[in-house]
Protein backbone atom coordinates (compact mmCIF):
# COMPACT_ATOMS: atom_id res chain seq x y z
CA MET A 1 226.74 179.31 -59.44
CA LEU A 2 225.08 175.82 -59.69
CA ASN A 3 223.39 176.59 -63.24
CA ALA A 4 227.05 177.44 -64.36
CA HIS A 5 228.34 174.23 -63.03
CA ARG A 6 225.66 172.21 -64.66
CA HIS A 7 226.34 174.19 -67.95
CA GLU A 8 230.07 173.45 -67.89
CA ALA A 9 228.96 169.81 -66.94
CA ASP A 10 226.56 169.54 -70.06
CA ARG A 11 229.30 171.06 -72.36
CA ARG A 12 231.77 168.45 -71.48
CA ASN A 13 229.17 165.86 -71.97
CA ALA A 14 228.51 167.13 -75.21
CA ASP A 15 231.95 167.14 -76.31
CA ARG A 16 232.47 163.50 -74.83
CA ARG A 17 229.49 162.43 -77.07
CA LYS A 18 230.81 164.14 -80.19
CA ARG A 19 234.19 162.42 -79.71
CA GLY A 20 232.45 159.22 -78.98
CA ALA A 21 230.40 159.38 -82.44
CA GLU A 22 233.68 160.30 -84.02
CA GLN A 23 235.37 157.36 -82.41
CA GLU A 24 232.37 154.96 -83.63
CA ASP A 25 232.47 156.22 -87.09
CA TYR A 26 236.63 155.75 -87.12
CA ASN A 27 236.13 152.15 -85.51
CA LYS A 28 233.29 151.40 -88.13
CA GLY A 29 235.61 152.58 -91.17
CA GLN A 30 238.25 150.50 -89.66
CA THR A 31 236.31 147.47 -89.45
CA GLU A 32 235.04 147.86 -93.03
CA GLY A 33 238.21 148.40 -94.43
CA GLN A 34 239.72 145.11 -92.77
CA ALA A 35 236.36 143.37 -93.95
CA TRP A 36 237.45 144.18 -97.52
């Protein structure tokens, strides 16, 4: 039970990190676009 809960938390954290990286890439693209 505890392992299943931790696995769920790990999966959510991985999703959050993936979204965070995508958001950073998007922000970087926006910033570079504005720089031009």
